[in-house]
Amino acid sequence: MTQKQSVRKLMNATVMSDVHFNVPALREAKLRSKNGTPTYFLLFDYNIDVSDNSSKYIRGSAHGDDVATLFGSLYKKIKIDENGKNVQKKFSELIANFIKNGVPSIGSIKVPQITTNNFQYIHINENPSVKSSLWKERLEFWNSIGKKYGFDLASGNQMKNDNKLEL
């Protein structure tokens, strides 16, 4: 595969991920927070080859890899090295603490709630950490495209004249 082909695959994966998963998830989290629902966000970013859908050209987790990491795969045995077992253990701890206490945490790392002024999330990988402003520029881009052209690709909705989504 040439470098140009690799770049095209990466761009295609980014656009498809944004439209189908990333932008809708970010919007929903922000909306839930704005409406007063305690809201937390995580980014699972550990690359384990858990599915036949895992890209061989693009590094990163495929949709659903987090679930397969916790519970295994229906179709294929998962080979997890020591780093993967560590990620699996930390991710399990995060979920268990959320169930027990209502707050996701790993050791001393507590995931803060999303607020209208602060979008913090936990980045799950070999070294989990709290970060902020996940894909901020990409979300702004997709929001501006909808306003500019009158159609929001991520929701599949026409925009009203006041640039609000028409649901």
Protein backbone atom coordinates (compact mmCIF):
# COMPACT_ATOMS: atom_id res chain seq x y z
CA MET A 1 0.00 0.00 0.00
CA THR A 2 1.33 3.42 -0.96
CA GLN A 3 1.49 6.36 1.43
CA LYS A 4 -1.27 8.08 -0.58
CA GLN A 5 -3.54 5.04 -0.18
CA SER A 6 -2.81 4.92 3.56
CA VAL A 7 -3.69 8.59 3.95
CA ARG A 8 -6.95 8.06 2.04
CA LYS A 9 -7.90 5.11 4.28
CA LEU A 10 -7.13 7.15 7.39
CA MET A 11 -9.16 10.12 6.13
CA ASN A 12 -12.08 7.86 5.21
CA ALA A 13 -11.98 6.15 8.62
CA THR A 14 -11.88 9.52 10.40
CA VAL A 15 -14.84 10.90 8.46
CA MET A 16 -16.91 7.75 8.91
CA SER A 17 -16.05 7.53 12.61
CA ASP A 18 -16.95 11.18 13.14
CA VAL A 19 -20.26 10.99 11.30
CA HIS A 20 -21.45 7.67 12.71
CA PHE A 21 -20.00 7.61 16.24
CA ASN A 22 -17.86 10.50 17.49
CA VAL A 23 -19.98 13.56 16.72
CA PRO A 24 -23.30 12.01 17.83
CA ALA A 25 -21.72 10.73 21.07
CA LEU A 26 -20.15 14.12 21.88
CA ARG A 27 -23.39 15.95 21.14
CA GLU A 28 -25.44 13.59 23.27
CA ALA A 29 -23.02 13.84 26.20
CA LYS A 30 -23.08 17.64 26.04
CA LEU A 31 -26.88 17.71 25.77
CA ARG A 32 -27.35 15.33 28.72
CA SER A 33 -24.98 17.42 30.82
CA LYS A 34 -26.74 20.64 29.83
CA ASN A 35 -30.05 19.09 30.93
CA GLY A 36 -28.65 18.22 34.36
CA THR A 37 -27.95 14.51 33.92
CA PRO A 38 -24.66 13.43 35.55
CA THR A 39 -22.60 12.57 32.48
CA TYR A 40 -19.17 11.01 32.09
CA PHE A 41 -17.24 10.22 28.92
CA LEU A 42 -14.51 7.77 28.03
CA LEU A 43 -12.36 7.09 25.02
CA PHE A 44 -11.27 3.47 24.72
CA ASP A 45 -8.03 3.59 22.79
CA TYR A 46 -6.20 0.30 23.10
CA ASN A 47 -5.56 -1.65 19.94
CA ILE A 48 -6.26 -5.36 20.42
CA ASP A 49 -7.03 -7.39 17.32
CA VAL A 50 -10.41 -8.60 18.57
CA SER A 51 -12.37 -8.67 15.36
CA ASP A 52 -12.00 -9.46 11.72
CA ASN A 53 -13.18 -5.88 11.20
CA SER A 54 -10.05 -4.46 12.84
CA SER A 55 -8.18 -2.46 10.27
CA LYS A 56 -4.78 -3.73 9.29
CA TYR A 57 -3.88 -0.29 7.91
CA ILE A 58 -5.14 2.08 10.61
CA ARG A 59 -4.08 1.86 14.23
CA GLY A 60 -6.81 2.23 16.83
CA SER A 61 -9.81 0.55 18.33
CA ALA A 62 -12.76 -0.44 16.21
CA HIS A 63 -16.34 0.10 17.33
CA GLY A 64 -17.14 -2.49 20.01
CA ASP A 65 -13.55 -3.41 20.83
CA ASP A 66 -14.09 -2.17 24.39
CA VAL A 67 -16.88 -4.70 24.95
CA ALA A 68 -14.87 -7.53 23.40
CA THR A 69 -11.91 -6.59 25.58
CA LEU A 70 -14.05 -7.05 28.70
CA PHE A 71 -16.15 -10.06 27.70
CA GLY A 72 -14.33 -11.74 24.85
CA SER A 73 -15.37 -12.23 21.27
CA LEU A 74 -18.06 -14.53 19.94
CA TYR A 75 -16.17 -15.39 16.79
CA LYS A 76 -12.49 -15.43 17.57
CA LYS A 77 -10.21 -16.05 20.51
CA ILE A 78 -8.62 -12.86 21.75
CA LYS A 79 -4.89 -12.92 22.30
CA ILE A 80 -4.07 -10.44 25.05
CA ASP A 81 -0.49 -9.68 26.03
CA GLU A 82 0.52 -8.30 29.45
CA ASN A 83 -0.20 -4.69 28.37
CA GLY A 84 -3.63 -5.78 27.18
CA LYS A 85 -4.34 -7.59 30.46
CA ASN A 86 -3.37 -4.43 32.31
CA VAL A 87 -5.74 -2.32 30.18
CA GLN A 88 -8.47 -4.92 30.66
CA LYS A 89 -7.98 -4.84 34.45
CA LYS A 90 -8.07 -1.03 34.62
CA PHE A 91 -11.10 -0.81 32.34
CA SER A 92 -12.91 -3.40 34.50
CA GLU A 93 -12.06 -1.37 37.61
CA LEU A 94 -13.46 1.79 35.99
CA ILE A 95 -16.76 0.08 35.17
CA ALA A 96 -17.00 -1.65 38.58
CA ASN A 97 -16.38 1.60 40.46
CA PHE A 98 -19.03 3.36 38.41
CA ILE A 99 -21.54 0.62 39.23
CA LYS A 100 -20.64 0.62 42.96
CA ASN A 101 -20.16 4.34 43.60
CA GLY A 102 -21.78 6.18 40.70
CA VAL A 103 -18.41 7.72 39.79
CA PRO A 104 -16.04 6.11 37.30
CA SER A 105 -12.52 5.85 38.70
CA ILE A 106 -9.29 3.90 38.35
CA GLY A 107 -7.08 4.02 41.44
CA SER A 108 -6.65 7.70 42.29
CA ILE A 109 -8.00 8.86 38.92
CA LYS A 110 -11.60 10.04 39.21
CA VAL A 111 -13.41 10.98 36.04
CA PRO A 112 -15.04 14.40 36.42
CA GLN A 113 -18.58 15.01 35.23
CA ILE A 114 -18.96 16.86 31.97
CA THR A 115 -20.17 20.42 32.46
CA THR A 116 -21.26 23.04 29.96
CA ASN A 117 -17.89 24.76 30.42
CA ASN A 118 -15.62 21.74 30.76
CA PHE A 119 -15.62 18.55 28.70
CA GLN A 120 -13.24 16.21 30.51
CA TYR A 121 -13.04 12.50 29.80
CA ILE A 122 -10.92 9.49 30.64
CA HIS A 123 -8.61 8.17 27.96
CA ILE A 124 -8.37 4.38 28.41
CA ASN A 125 -5.08 2.96 27.18
CA GLU A 126 -1.91 1.54 28.79
CA ASN A 127 -1.73 4.66 31.00
CA PRO A 128 -5.26 5.96 31.61
CA SER A 129 -5.54 9.69 32.21
CA VAL A 130 -8.12 12.45 32.35
CA LYS A 131 -7.98 14.79 29.37
CA SER A 132 -10.13 17.59 28.04
CA SER A 133 -11.66 18.93 24.83
CA LEU A 134 -11.95 15.61 22.98
CA TRP A 135 -12.12 16.21 19.23
CA LYS A 136 -13.15 19.83 19.83
CA GLU A 137 -11.99 21.09 16.42
CA ARG A 138 -13.63 18.18 14.61
CA LEU A 139 -16.95 18.78 16.38
CA GLU A 140 -16.77 22.48 15.53
CA PHE A 141 -16.06 21.57 11.90
CA TRP A 142 -19.09 19.26 11.63
CA ASN A 143 -21.32 21.79 13.38
CA SER A 144 -20.18 24.53 10.98
CA ILE A 145 -20.81 22.37 7.91
CA GLY A 146 -24.42 21.86 8.96
CA LYS A 147 -24.92 25.58 9.47
CA LYS A 148 -23.23 26.45 6.19
CA TYR A 149 -25.06 23.96 3.96
CA GLY A 150 -28.36 23.51 5.80
CA PHE A 151 -27.90 19.79 6.39
CA ASP A 152 -26.34 18.04 9.35
CA LEU A 153 -24.62 14.90 8.10
CA ALA A 154 -24.08 13.37 11.57
CA SER A 155 -27.80 13.48 12.46
CA GLY A 156 -29.18 13.25 8.93
CA ASN A 157 -31.39 16.29 9.55
CA GLN A 158 -32.17 19.47 7.68
CA MET A 159 -31.24 22.66 9.53
CA LYS A 160 -33.86 25.33 10.16
CA ASN A 161 -33.18 28.88 9.02
CA ASP A 162 -31.95 29.72 12.54
CA ASN A 163 -29.25 27.03 12.17
CA LYS A 164 -30.86 24.67 14.67
CA LEU A 165 -31.42 21.02 13.95
CA GLU A 166 -34.91 20.19 12.79
CA LEU A 167 -35.83 16.97 14.56
